[in-house]
Amino acid sequence: QELPIIIQLDSDKTDVKQWAANTNGIQEKFSGALCQAFKIPKQTIRIDGIEIDAGIINLFVQPPYGQNVVDSLNGTAPDAAARMNAVRKCCQDLNANVESMTLGEFGLKIEDKLMDPRWNKKYAWPNSPPEQGQYWATPIDQGGKPYYCPSGWTRFGVKVAEDEKEFDSRWGNWYLAYHGTRGENASKILISGLRVSTNGCFYGDGIPRVYVSPSIEYCAHPRYAFPWKKASKNGKDRWYQLVFQCRVNPESVQKIGPETLIKNEYKAAVKVDPNFNNNELEWIILGKNNEGFITKDIVCYGLLMRISNSDPVSLTPSAWWKQSYHSDIYKSST
């Protein structure tokens, strides 16, 4: 498949209309320069369209060269920074400035936080063929807590360590947990960490904290992992949800508490996740030293996406949403 690339130009300093009109063949000059910057053959990058008001250039890299582009920009590439600077120079040579660059249909800003494709992974359902992803039936012991296979989700690795050895030495004995969020918050979280809040989670008001959960299904509730949809090229809608996969310092978990989403009249009958008791679904990690973000006790190392062809409320793991609060919070915006 072609690799989508979105380049956000500084519209205040760039004549985007000139790009849209392809004045003096500026589009061909740019795509050719990009091919050279990524060291791939000429004419393997095409411009699909330009959004004048937003200052966005939509491009596609022809297969099999998309992987070259991803590899050259990920955190393990020795010249990743130089390659990104080469992209900026391509624009500067044409009197334009790059604000950000996004790979894939739901990628993150490469200049803000480099992803690490070495750790990309698909998680399959039981009895699925191997090509559909990885699955394990028995939970993995992660720091003394169970880690169940997040079936139906795809992980995009985040650059947090140079290699597996460094990762394990720093966080190998920490708990595994999840944190659901809106798609537009992803890059902010990767840059700054999880923002503390002084309310919610049924903890003392005024005390800064962050919630995580050992259950990806709990974090996938619309109250946290706000669903959004996007039309594919064939005109059909696809639904997306985003949850961060984290390692959590066991010493930082202040409280393990019950779910707070199921309506009172259903609490005795509804189970959120077959792998967990409803009374252990919210972990509270407190902020320290008046910091606005938690960066040391929680490490977000994976961006998990759930992609479906139908509204996620119709998915089997989401059946419990119908007995919960805020289950239709996303309906008014879709």
C-alpha atoms as a PDB file:
ATOM      1  CA  GLN A   1       0.000   0.000   0.000  1.00  0.00           C
ATOM      2  CA  GLU A   2       1.005   3.614  -0.517  1.00  0.00           C
ATOM      3  CA  LEU A   3       2.241   5.471   2.560  1.00  0.00           C
ATOM      4  CA  PRO A   4       0.300   8.688   3.237  1.00  0.00           C
ATOM      5  CA  ILE A   5       2.321  11.721   4.334  1.00  0.00           C
ATOM      6  CA  ILE A   6       0.855  14.980   5.573  1.00  0.00           C
ATOM      7  CA  ILE A   7       3.108  18.030   5.678  1.00  0.00           C
ATOM      8  CA  GLN A   8       1.838  21.043   7.584  1.00  0.00           C
ATOM      9  CA  LEU A   9       3.279  24.310   6.272  1.00  0.00           C
ATOM     10  CA  ASP A  10       3.528  27.549   8.193  1.00  0.00           C
ATOM     11  CA  SER A  11       0.717  29.275   6.312  1.00  0.00           C
ATOM     12  CA  ASP A  12       1.688  32.663   7.751  1.00  0.00           C
ATOM     13  CA  LYS A  13       5.067  32.471   6.040  1.00  0.00           C
ATOM     14  CA  THR A  14       4.146  30.458   2.965  1.00  0.00           C
ATOM     15  CA  ASP A  15       2.202  31.338  -0.180  1.00  0.00           C
ATOM     16  CA  VAL A  16       0.048  28.206  -0.113  1.00  0.00           C
ATOM     17  CA  LYS A  17      -1.982  29.370  -3.119  1.00  0.00           C
ATOM     18  CA  GLN A  18       1.200  29.221  -5.172  1.00  0.00           C
ATOM     19  CA  TRP A  19       1.587  25.590  -4.172  1.00  0.00           C
ATOM     20  CA  ALA A  20      -2.044  24.781  -4.964  1.00  0.00           C
ATOM     21  CA  ALA A  21      -1.745  26.409  -8.398  1.00  0.00           C
ATOM     22  CA  ASN A  22       1.539  24.566  -9.001  1.00  0.00           C
ATOM     23  CA  THR A  23       3.207  27.810 -10.039  1.00  0.00           C
ATOM     24  CA  ASN A  24       6.456  27.148 -11.925  1.00  0.00           C
ATOM     25  CA  GLY A  25       6.056  23.407 -11.325  1.00  0.00           C
ATOM     26  CA  ILE A  26       6.617  23.838  -7.594  1.00  0.00           C
ATOM     27  CA  GLN A  27       4.874  20.555  -6.763  1.00  0.00           C
ATOM     28  CA  GLU A  28       7.114  18.500  -9.038  1.00  0.00           C
ATOM     29  CA  LYS A  29      10.204  20.284  -7.726  1.00  0.00           C
ATOM     30  CA  PHE A  30       9.175  19.549  -4.173  1.00  0.00           C
ATOM     31  CA  SER A  31       8.297  15.871  -4.661  1.00  0.00           C
ATOM     32  CA  GLY A  32      11.559  15.364  -6.555  1.00  0.00           C
ATOM     33  CA  ALA A  33      13.550  17.011  -3.779  1.00  0.00           C
ATOM     34  CA  LEU A  34      11.805  14.821  -1.199  1.00  0.00           C
ATOM     35  CA  CYS A  35      12.736  11.680  -3.119  1.00  0.00           C
ATOM     36  CA  GLN A  36      16.332  12.830  -3.045  1.00  0.00           C
ATOM     37  CA  ALA A  37      16.139  13.628   0.682  1.00  0.00           C
ATOM     38  CA  PHE A  38      14.816  10.143   1.450  1.00  0.00           C
ATOM     39  CA  LYS A  39      17.200   8.512  -1.037  1.00  0.00           C
ATOM     40  CA  ILE A  40      14.447   6.801  -2.991  1.00  0.00           C
ATOM     41  CA  PRO A  41      13.914   6.763  -6.793  1.00  0.00           C
ATOM     42  CA  LYS A  42      12.513   9.816  -8.536  1.00  0.00           C
ATOM     43  CA  GLN A  43       8.750  10.047  -9.074  1.00  0.00           C
ATOM     44  CA  THR A  44       7.979   7.665  -6.200  1.00  0.00           C
ATOM     45  CA  ILE A  45       6.362  10.472  -4.183  1.00  0.00           C
ATOM     46  CA  ARG A  46       3.233  12.100  -5.552  1.00  0.00           C
ATOM     47  CA  ILE A  47       1.230  15.078  -4.305  1.00  0.00           C
ATOM     48  CA  ASP A  48      -2.425  14.116  -3.912  1.00  0.00           C
ATOM     49  CA  GLY A  49      -3.786  17.511  -2.968  1.00  0.00           C
ATOM     50  CA  ILE A  50      -3.204  20.761  -1.102  1.00  0.00           C
ATOM     51  CA  GLU A  51      -5.545  22.255   1.493  1.00  0.00           C
ATOM     52  CA  ILE A  52      -5.081  26.001   1.091  1.00  0.00           C
ATOM     53  CA  ASP A  53      -6.778  27.178   4.286  1.00  0.00           C
ATOM     54  CA  ALA A  54      -4.954  24.673   6.486  1.00  0.00           C
ATOM     55  CA  GLY A  55      -1.622  24.870   4.675  1.00  0.00           C
ATOM     56  CA  ILE A  56      -1.506  21.090   4.313  1.00  0.00           C
ATOM     57  CA  ILE A  57       0.201  19.091   1.561  1.00  0.00           C
ATOM     58  CA  ASN A  58      -1.102  15.530   1.142  1.00  0.00           C
ATOM     59  CA  LEU A  59       1.412  13.155  -0.399  1.00  0.00           C
ATOM     60  CA  PHE A  60       1.768   9.432  -1.037  1.00  0.00           C
ATOM     61  CA  VAL A  61       4.915   7.326  -1.239  1.00  0.00           C
ATOM     62  CA  GLN A  62       4.647   4.465  -3.705  1.00  0.00           C
ATOM     63  CA  PRO A  63       5.379   0.930  -2.464  1.00  0.00           C
ATOM     64  CA  PRO A  64       7.788  -0.484  -1.520  1.00  0.00           C
ATOM     65  CA  TYR A  65       9.502   2.804  -0.667  1.00  0.00           C
ATOM     66  CA  GLY A  66       7.156   3.827   2.148  1.00  0.00           C
ATOM     67  CA  GLN A  67       9.121   1.601   4.501  1.00  0.00           C
ATOM     68  CA  ASN A  68      12.314   3.420   3.495  1.00  0.00           C
ATOM     69  CA  VAL A  69      10.732   6.697   4.555  1.00  0.00           C
ATOM     70  CA  VAL A  70       9.499   5.278   7.877  1.00  0.00           C
ATOM     71  CA  ASP A  71      12.857   3.656   8.624  1.00  0.00           C
ATOM     72  CA  SER A  72      14.786   6.818   7.824  1.00  0.00           C
ATOM     73  CA  LEU A  73      12.726   8.885  10.265  1.00  0.00           C
ATOM     74  CA  ASN A  74      12.297   6.482  13.166  1.00  0.00           C
ATOM     75  CA  GLY A  75      14.269   6.827  16.351  1.00  0.00           C
ATOM     76  CA  THR A  76      16.793   4.102  15.515  1.00  0.00           C
ATOM     77  CA  ALA A  77      18.010   5.676  12.279  1.00  0.00           C
ATOM     78  CA  PRO A  78      21.434   7.251  12.902  1.00  0.00           C
ATOM     79  CA  ASP A  79      20.660  10.112  10.532  1.00  0.00           C
ATOM     80  CA  ALA A  80      16.975  10.599  11.424  1.00  0.00           C
ATOM     81  CA  ALA A  81      17.500  14.198  12.545  1.00  0.00           C
ATOM     82  CA  ALA A  82      19.541  14.993   9.449  1.00  0.00           C
ATOM     83  CA  ARG A  83      16.864  13.456   7.233  1.00  0.00           C
ATOM     84  CA  MET A  84      14.159  15.584   8.877  1.00  0.00           C
ATOM     85  CA  ASN A  85      16.323  18.662   8.377  1.00  0.00           C
ATOM     86  CA  ALA A  86      16.668  17.702   4.712  1.00  0.00           C
ATOM     87  CA  VAL A  87      12.873  17.683   4.435  1.00  0.00           C
ATOM     88  CA  ARG A  88      12.722  21.139   5.989  1.00  0.00           C
ATOM     89  CA  LYS A  89      15.355  22.362   3.553  1.00  0.00           C
ATOM     90  CA  CYS A  90      13.293  21.066   0.616  1.00  0.00           C
ATOM     91  CA  CYS A  91      10.562  23.444   1.732  1.00  0.00           C
ATOM     92  CA  GLN A  92      12.850  26.327   2.604  1.00  0.00           C
ATOM     93  CA  ASP A  93      14.412  26.177  -0.851  1.00  0.00           C
ATOM     94  CA  LEU A  94      10.910  26.793  -2.182  1.00  0.00           C
ATOM     95  CA  ASN A  95      10.166  29.610   0.292  1.00  0.00           C
ATOM     96  CA  ALA A  96       8.098  27.475   2.664  1.00  0.00           C
ATOM     97  CA  ASN A  97       8.513  26.409   6.280  1.00  0.00           C
ATOM     98  CA  VAL A  98       7.499  23.020   7.707  1.00  0.00           C
ATOM     99  CA  GLU A  99       5.528  23.045  10.951  1.00  0.00           C
ATOM    100  CA  SER A 100       5.061  19.295  11.209  1.00  0.00           C
ATOM    101  CA  MET A 101       5.160  16.055   9.286  1.00  0.00           C
ATOM    102  CA  THR A 102       2.816  13.120   9.788  1.00  0.00           C
ATOM    103  CA  LEU A 103       3.244   9.574   8.481  1.00  0.00           C
ATOM    104  CA  GLY A 104       0.262   7.293   7.927  1.00  0.00           C
ATOM    105  CA  GLU A 105      -3.430   8.054   8.127  1.00  0.00           C
ATOM    106  CA  PHE A 106      -3.317   8.601  11.884  1.00  0.00           C
ATOM    107  CA  GLY A 107       0.391   9.152  12.528  1.00  0.00           C
ATOM    108  CA  LEU A 108       2.054  11.550  14.924  1.00  0.00           C
ATOM    109  CA  LYS A 109       4.128  14.611  14.237  1.00  0.00           C
ATOM    110  CA  ILE A 110       7.541  13.188  13.413  1.00  0.00           C
ATOM    111  CA  GLU A 111       9.380  16.314  14.446  1.00  0.00           C
ATOM    112  CA  ASP A 112       7.747  16.198  17.871  1.00  0.00           C
ATOM    113  CA  LYS A 113       8.214  12.582  18.819  1.00  0.00           C
ATOM    114  CA  LEU A 114       9.889   9.875  16.742  1.00  0.00           C
ATOM    115  CA  MET A 115       8.067   6.580  16.511  1.00  0.00           C
ATOM    116  CA  ASP A 116       9.944   3.285  16.577  1.00  0.00           C
ATOM    117  CA  PRO A 117       8.501   0.823  14.021  1.00  0.00           C
ATOM    118  CA  ARG A 118      10.624  -2.025  15.415  1.00  0.00           C
ATOM    119  CA  TRP A 119       7.971  -2.435  18.100  1.00  0.00           C
ATOM    120  CA  ASN A 120       4.895  -2.196  15.883  1.00  0.00           C
ATOM    121  CA  LYS A 121       2.674  -5.183  16.522  1.00  0.00           C
ATOM    122  CA  LYS A 122      -0.801  -6.539  15.807  1.00  0.00           C
ATOM    123  CA  TYR A 123      -2.690  -8.349  18.559  1.00  0.00           C
ATOM    124  CA  ALA A 124      -4.986 -11.090  17.315  1.00  0.00           C
ATOM    125  CA  TRP A 125      -8.010 -12.931  18.642  1.00  0.00           C
ATOM    126  CA  PRO A 126      -7.916 -16.593  19.756  1.00  0.00           C
ATOM    127  CA  ASN A 127      -7.602 -19.092  16.902  1.00  0.00           C
ATOM    128  CA  SER A 128      -6.606 -16.381  14.418  1.00  0.00           C
ATOM    129  CA  PRO A 129      -4.034 -17.309  11.743  1.00  0.00           C
ATOM    130  CA  PRO A 130      -0.476 -16.119  12.543  1.00  0.00           C
ATOM    131  CA  GLU A 131      -0.527 -13.462   9.827  1.00  0.00           C
ATOM    132  CA  GLN A 132      -3.289 -11.614  11.714  1.00  0.00           C
ATOM    133  CA  GLY A 133      -1.019 -10.948  14.661  1.00  0.00           C
ATOM    134  CA  GLN A 134       0.209 -12.232  17.984  1.00  0.00           C
ATOM    135  CA  TYR A 135      -1.969 -13.849  20.643  1.00  0.00           C
ATOM    136  CA  TRP A 136      -1.329 -15.475  23.999  1.00  0.00           C
ATOM    137  CA  ALA A 137      -3.950 -17.230  26.123  1.00  0.00           C
ATOM    138  CA  THR A 138      -2.142 -17.216  29.475  1.00  0.00           C
ATOM    139  CA  PRO A 139      -1.478 -13.771  30.954  1.00  0.00           C
ATOM    140  CA  ILE A 140       2.119 -12.611  31.163  1.00  0.00           C
ATOM    141  CA  ASP A 141       3.432 -11.762  34.616  1.00  0.00           C
ATOM    142  CA  GLN A 142       4.451  -8.125  34.305  1.00  0.00           C
ATOM    143  CA  GLY A 143       5.950  -6.865  37.550  1.00  0.00           C
ATOM    144  CA  GLY A 144       3.567  -9.043  39.552  1.00  0.00           C
ATOM    145  CA  LYS A 145       0.415  -8.002  37.671  1.00  0.00           C
ATOM    146  CA  PRO A 146      -1.216  -9.888  34.761  1.00  0.00           C
ATOM    147  CA  TYR A 147      -0.781  -8.637  31.207  1.00  0.00           C
ATOM    148  CA  TYR A 148      -3.474 -10.014  28.902  1.00  0.00           C
ATOM    149  CA  CYS A 149      -3.311  -9.911  25.123  1.00  0.00           C
ATOM    150  CA  PRO A 150      -5.028  -6.697  23.882  1.00  0.00           C
ATOM    151  CA  SER A 151      -6.825  -8.554  21.082  1.00  0.00           C
ATOM    152  CA  GLY A 152      -8.130  -6.466  18.200  1.00  0.00           C
ATOM    153  CA  TRP A 153      -5.652  -3.632  18.696  1.00  0.00           C
ATOM    154  CA  THR A 154      -2.548  -2.600  16.762  1.00  0.00           C
ATOM    155  CA  ARG A 155       0.481  -1.139  18.509  1.00  0.00           C
ATOM    156  CA  PHE A 156       2.695   1.555  17.045  1.00  0.00           C
ATOM    157  CA  GLY A 157       5.970   1.668  18.938  1.00  0.00           C
ATOM    158  CA  VAL A 158       7.126   4.894  20.567  1.00  0.00           C
ATOM    159  CA  LYS A 159      10.811   5.748  20.804  1.00  0.00           C
ATOM    160  CA  VAL A 160      11.682   5.593  24.524  1.00  0.00           C
ATOM    161  CA  ALA A 161      14.876   3.500  24.556  1.00  0.00           C
ATOM    162  CA  GLU A 162      17.702   2.610  22.200  1.00  0.00           C
ATOM    163  CA  ASP A 163      17.089  -1.130  22.405  1.00  0.00           C
ATOM    164  CA  GLU A 164      15.271  -3.873  24.292  1.00  0.00           C
ATOM    165  CA  LYS A 165      18.107  -4.219  26.797  1.00  0.00           C
ATOM    166  CA  GLU A 166      17.835  -0.578  27.858  1.00  0.00           C
ATOM    167  CA  PHE A 167      14.033  -0.781  28.003  1.00  0.00           C
ATOM    168  CA  ASP A 168      14.087  -3.858  30.239  1.00  0.00           C
ATOM    169  CA  SER A 169      16.769  -2.440  32.520  1.00  0.00           C
ATOM    170  CA  ARG A 170      14.701   0.690  33.154  1.00  0.00           C
ATOM    171  CA  TRP A 171      11.108  -0.532  33.096  1.00  0.00           C
ATOM    172  CA  GLY A 172      11.217  -4.329  32.867  1.00  0.00           C
ATOM    173  CA  ASN A 173       9.764  -4.847  36.350  1.00  0.00           C
ATOM    174  CA  TRP A 174       7.110  -2.133  36.146  1.00  0.00           C
ATOM    175  CA  TYR A 175       3.388  -2.809  35.775  1.00  0.00           C
ATOM    176  CA  LEU A 176       1.707  -2.661  32.376  1.00  0.00           C
ATOM    177  CA  ALA A 177      -1.331  -0.416  32.125  1.00  0.00           C
ATOM    178  CA  TYR A 178      -3.329   1.660  29.641  1.00  0.00           C
ATOM    179  CA  HIS A 179      -4.578   5.216  29.328  1.00  0.00           C
ATOM    180  CA  GLY A 180      -7.333   6.156  26.881  1.00  0.00           C
ATOM    181  CA  THR A 181      -7.365   9.550  25.206  1.00  0.00           C
ATOM    182  CA  ARG A 182      -8.583  11.541  22.231  1.00  0.00           C
ATOM    183  CA  GLY A 183      -6.573  11.251  19.028  1.00  0.00           C
ATOM    184  CA  GLU A 184      -5.717  14.948  18.971  1.00  0.00           C
ATOM    185  CA  ASN A 185      -4.018  14.643  22.375  1.00  0.00           C
ATOM    186  CA  ALA A 186      -1.579  11.930  21.316  1.00  0.00           C
ATOM    187  CA  SER A 187       1.439  14.013  20.328  1.00  0.00           C
ATOM    188  CA  LYS A 188       1.001  16.315  23.338  1.00  0.00           C
ATOM    189  CA  ILE A 189       1.117  13.332  25.683  1.00  0.00           C
ATOM    190  CA  LEU A 190       4.200  11.893  24.035  1.00  0.00           C
ATOM    191  CA  ILE A 191       5.997  15.207  24.318  1.00  0.00           C
ATOM    192  CA  SER A 192       5.010  16.207  27.849  1.00  0.00           C
ATOM    193  CA  GLY A 193       3.698  13.088  29.594  1.00  0.00           C
ATOM    194  CA  LEU A 194       0.262  12.500  31.090  1.00  0.00           C
ATOM    195  CA  ARG A 195      -1.279  15.676  32.458  1.00  0.00           C
ATOM    196  CA  VAL A 196      -2.418  15.522  36.070  1.00  0.00           C
ATOM    197  CA  SER A 197      -5.955  16.484  37.049  1.00  0.00           C
ATOM    198  CA  THR A 198      -7.288  17.690  40.380  1.00  0.00           C
ATOM    199  CA  ASN A 199     -10.769  16.236  39.969  1.00  0.00           C
ATOM    200  CA  GLY A 200     -12.423  13.069  38.731  1.00  0.00           C
ATOM    201  CA  CYS A 201     -11.477   9.431  39.398  1.00  0.00           C
ATOM    202  CA  PHE A 202     -13.440   9.780  42.684  1.00  0.00           C
ATOM    203  CA  TYR A 203     -10.309  10.793  44.536  1.00  0.00           C
ATOM    204  CA  GLY A 204      -9.822  13.780  46.851  1.00  0.00           C
ATOM    205  CA  ASP A 205     -10.529  17.062  45.073  1.00  0.00           C
ATOM    206  CA  GLY A 206      -7.518  19.305  44.694  1.00  0.00           C
ATOM    207  CA  ILE A 207      -5.019  16.430  44.693  1.00  0.00           C
ATOM    208  CA  PRO A 208      -3.188  16.138  41.332  1.00  0.00           C
ATOM    209  CA  ARG A 209      -3.384  12.643  39.872  1.00  0.00           C
ATOM    210  CA  VAL A 210      -3.588  10.527  36.722  1.00  0.00           C
ATOM    211  CA  TYR A 211      -5.628   7.393  36.189  1.00  0.00           C
ATOM    212  CA  VAL A 212      -4.503   4.287  34.297  1.00  0.00           C
ATOM    213  CA  SER A 213      -6.053   0.835  34.095  1.00  0.00           C
ATOM    214  CA  PRO A 214      -4.824  -2.743  33.608  1.00  0.00           C
ATOM    215  CA  SER A 215      -7.815  -3.257  31.269  1.00  0.00           C
ATOM    216  CA  ILE A 216      -7.647  -1.946  27.733  1.00  0.00           C
ATOM    217  CA  GLU A 217     -11.396  -2.510  27.414  1.00  0.00           C
ATOM    218  CA  TYR A 218     -12.063  -0.130  30.294  1.00  0.00           C
ATOM    219  CA  CYS A 219      -9.771   2.485  28.748  1.00  0.00           C
ATOM    220  CA  ALA A 220     -11.532   2.025  25.400  1.00  0.00           C
ATOM    221  CA  HIS A 221     -14.772   3.484  26.765  1.00  0.00           C
ATOM    222  CA  PRO A 222     -15.754   6.682  24.853  1.00  0.00           C
ATOM    223  CA  ARG A 223     -15.334   8.724  28.037  1.00  0.00           C
ATOM    224  CA  TYR A 224     -11.597   8.108  27.640  1.00  0.00           C
ATOM    225  CA  ALA A 225     -10.742   6.795  24.148  1.00  0.00           C
ATOM    226  CA  PHE A 226     -13.082   9.123  22.254  1.00  0.00           C
ATOM    227  CA  PRO A 227     -13.984   7.364  18.946  1.00  0.00           C
ATOM    228  CA  TRP A 228     -13.707   9.179  15.637  1.00  0.00           C
ATOM    229  CA  LYS A 229     -14.519   8.155  12.103  1.00  0.00           C
ATOM    230  CA  LYS A 230     -12.964   8.872   8.773  1.00  0.00           C
ATOM    231  CA  ALA A 231     -14.100   8.012   5.265  1.00  0.00           C
ATOM    232  CA  SER A 232     -11.771   5.721   3.344  1.00  0.00           C
ATOM    233  CA  LYS A 233     -11.027   6.086  -0.354  1.00  0.00           C
ATOM    234  CA  ASN A 234     -13.932   3.806  -1.240  1.00  0.00           C
ATOM    235  CA  GLY A 235     -16.276   6.114   0.650  1.00  0.00           C
ATOM    236  CA  LYS A 236     -16.897   3.768   3.574  1.00  0.00           C
ATOM    237  CA  ASP A 237     -16.452   5.026   7.123  1.00  0.00           C
ATOM    238  CA  ARG A 238     -13.804   3.557   9.383  1.00  0.00           C
ATOM    239  CA  TRP A 239     -13.792   4.071  13.135  1.00  0.00           C
ATOM    240  CA  TYR A 240     -10.707   4.716  15.222  1.00  0.00           C
ATOM    241  CA  GLN A 241      -9.844   4.698  18.913  1.00  0.00           C
ATOM    242  CA  LEU A 242      -6.568   5.416  20.635  1.00  0.00           C
ATOM    243  CA  VAL A 243      -5.175   4.064  23.899  1.00  0.00           C
ATOM    244  CA  PHE A 244      -1.645   4.425  25.248  1.00  0.00           C
ATOM    245  CA  GLN A 245       0.216   1.347  26.432  1.00  0.00           C
ATOM    246  CA  CYS A 246       2.277   2.284  29.480  1.00  0.00           C
ATOM    247  CA  ARG A 247       4.718   0.994  32.034  1.00  0.00           C
ATOM    248  CA  VAL A 248       3.908   2.194  35.549  1.00  0.00           C
ATOM    249  CA  ASN A 249       6.216   2.365  38.549  1.00  0.00           C
ATOM    250  CA  PRO A 250       4.619  -0.010  41.116  1.00  0.00           C
ATOM    251  CA  GLU A 251       5.646   2.297  43.951  1.00  0.00           C
ATOM    252  CA  SER A 252       3.692   5.162  42.393  1.00  0.00           C
ATOM    253  CA  VAL A 253       0.284   3.442  42.448  1.00  0.00           C
ATOM    254  CA  GLN A 254      -1.457   5.246  45.288  1.00  0.00           C
ATOM    255  CA  LYS A 255      -4.795   3.471  45.022  1.00  0.00           C
ATOM    256  CA  ILE A 256      -6.427   0.630  43.117  1.00  0.00           C
ATOM    257  CA  GLY A 257     -10.135   1.269  42.925  1.00  0.00           C
ATOM    258  CA  PRO A 258     -13.337   0.176  41.172  1.00  0.00           C
ATOM    259  CA  GLU A 259     -14.723   1.270  37.841  1.00  0.00           C
ATOM    260  CA  THR A 260     -16.740   4.484  37.928  1.00  0.00           C
ATOM    261  CA  LEU A 261     -18.656   4.269  34.650  1.00  0.00           C
ATOM    262  CA  ILE A 262     -21.349   1.604  35.033  1.00  0.00           C
ATOM    263  CA  LYS A 263     -24.750   2.977  36.019  1.00  0.00           C
ATOM    264  CA  ASN A 264     -25.734   2.104  39.573  1.00  0.00           C
ATOM    265  CA  GLU A 265     -28.643  -0.127  38.604  1.00  0.00           C
ATOM    266  CA  TYR A 266     -26.337  -2.347  36.508  1.00  0.00           C
ATOM    267  CA  LYS A 267     -23.250  -2.553  38.722  1.00  0.00           C
ATOM    268  CA  ALA A 268     -24.116  -5.973  40.136  1.00  0.00           C
ATOM    269  CA  ALA A 269     -24.803  -7.542  36.738  1.00  0.00           C
ATOM    270  CA  VAL A 270     -22.330  -5.984  34.286  1.00  0.00           C
ATOM    271  CA  LYS A 271     -18.681  -6.981  33.967  1.00  0.00           C
ATOM    272  CA  VAL A 272     -16.407  -4.640  32.036  1.00  0.00           C
ATOM    273  CA  ASP A 273     -13.591  -7.045  31.209  1.00  0.00           C
ATOM    274  CA  PRO A 274     -13.694 -10.842  31.704  1.00  0.00           C
ATOM    275  CA  ASN A 275     -10.033 -10.743  32.729  1.00  0.00           C
ATOM    276  CA  PHE A 276     -10.477  -8.366  35.662  1.00  0.00           C
ATOM    277  CA  ASN A 277     -12.708  -7.724  38.630  1.00  0.00           C
ATOM    278  CA  ASN A 278     -14.656  -4.469  38.343  1.00  0.00           C
ATOM    279  CA  ASN A 279     -13.156  -3.393  41.675  1.00  0.00           C
ATOM    280  CA  GLU A 280      -9.584  -3.177  40.327  1.00  0.00           C
ATOM    281  CA  LEU A 281      -9.993  -1.173  37.137  1.00  0.00           C
ATOM    282  CA  GLU A 282      -8.815   2.302  38.160  1.00  0.00           C
ATOM    283  CA  TRP A 283      -5.266   2.875  39.336  1.00  0.00           C
ATOM    284  CA  ILE A 284      -4.457   6.304  40.733  1.00  0.00           C
ATOM    285  CA  ILE A 285      -0.938   7.739  40.356  1.00  0.00           C
ATOM    286  CA  LEU A 286      -0.319  11.005  42.164  1.00  0.00           C
ATOM    287  CA  GLY A 287       1.593  13.961  40.776  1.00  0.00           C
ATOM    288  CA  LYS A 288       4.745  15.113  42.551  1.00  0.00           C
ATOM    289  CA  ASN A 289       6.335  18.438  43.422  1.00  0.00           C
ATOM    290  CA  ASN A 290       3.560  20.512  41.862  1.00  0.00           C
ATOM    291  CA  GLU A 291       4.415  19.124  38.419  1.00  0.00           C
ATOM    292  CA  GLY A 292       1.710  19.462  35.781  1.00  0.00           C
ATOM    293  CA  PHE A 293       2.669  16.216  34.043  1.00  0.00           C
ATOM    294  CA  ILE A 294       3.821  12.777  35.163  1.00  0.00           C
ATOM    295  CA  THR A 295       6.940  11.830  33.220  1.00  0.00           C
ATOM    296  CA  LYS A 296       8.989   9.640  35.571  1.00  0.00           C
ATOM    297  CA  ASP A 297       6.483   7.161  37.011  1.00  0.00           C
ATOM    298  CA  ILE A 298       4.519   6.496  33.809  1.00  0.00           C
ATOM    299  CA  VAL A 299       6.191   5.743  30.476  1.00  0.00           C
ATOM    300  CA  CYS A 300       4.000   5.703  27.354  1.00  0.00           C
ATOM    301  CA  TYR A 301       5.806   3.322  25.008  1.00  0.00           C
ATOM    302  CA  GLY A 302       3.054   2.162  22.677  1.00  0.00           C
ATOM    303  CA  LEU A 303       0.233   3.859  20.808  1.00  0.00           C
ATOM    304  CA  LEU A 304      -2.587   1.339  20.382  1.00  0.00           C
ATOM    305  CA  MET A 305      -5.236   1.827  17.725  1.00  0.00           C
ATOM    306  CA  ARG A 306      -8.490  -0.046  17.294  1.00  0.00           C
ATOM    307  CA  ILE A 307      -9.820   0.265  13.767  1.00  0.00           C
ATOM    308  CA  SER A 308     -13.241  -1.051  12.813  1.00  0.00           C
ATOM    309  CA  ASN A 309     -15.682  -0.797   9.929  1.00  0.00           C
ATOM    310  CA  SER A 310     -18.604  -0.117  12.257  1.00  0.00           C
ATOM    311  CA  ASP A 311     -19.360   2.033  15.276  1.00  0.00           C
ATOM    312  CA  PRO A 312     -17.257   0.535  18.111  1.00  0.00           C
ATOM    313  CA  VAL A 313     -20.339   0.320  20.339  1.00  0.00           C
ATOM    314  CA  SER A 314     -21.355  -2.660  18.178  1.00  0.00           C
ATOM    315  CA  LEU A 315     -18.151  -4.591  18.929  1.00  0.00           C
ATOM    316  CA  THR A 316     -18.442  -7.541  21.309  1.00  0.00           C
ATOM    317  CA  PRO A 317     -15.958  -6.181  23.902  1.00  0.00           C
ATOM    318  CA  SER A 318     -17.958  -2.927  23.997  1.00  0.00           C
ATOM    319  CA  ALA A 319     -21.279  -4.511  25.004  1.00  0.00           C
ATOM    320  CA  TRP A 320     -20.972  -3.069  28.518  1.00  0.00           C
ATOM    321  CA  TRP A 321     -21.014   0.512  27.187  1.00  0.00           C
ATOM    322  CA  LYS A 322     -24.807   0.374  26.902  1.00  0.00           C
ATOM    323  CA  GLN A 323     -25.099   0.142  30.696  1.00  0.00           C
ATOM    324  CA  SER A 324     -22.603   2.922  31.367  1.00  0.00           C
ATOM    325  CA  TYR A 325     -22.530   6.688  31.653  1.00  0.00           C
ATOM    326  CA  HIS A 326     -21.215   8.807  28.743  1.00  0.00           C
ATOM    327  CA  SER A 327     -21.510   5.910  26.274  1.00  0.00           C
ATOM    328  CA  ASP A 328     -22.831   8.214  23.533  1.00  0.00           C
ATOM    329  CA  ILE A 329     -20.554  11.164  24.280  1.00  0.00           C
ATOM    330  CA  TYR A 330     -19.095  10.965  20.771  1.00  0.00           C
ATOM    331  CA  LYS A 331     -22.396  10.757  18.874  1.00  0.00           C
ATOM    332  CA  SER A 332     -22.932  14.501  18.573  1.00  0.00           C
ATOM    333  CA  SER A 333     -19.580  15.014  16.852  1.00  0.00           C
ATOM    334  CA  THR A 334     -19.748  12.217  14.268  1.00  0.00           C
END
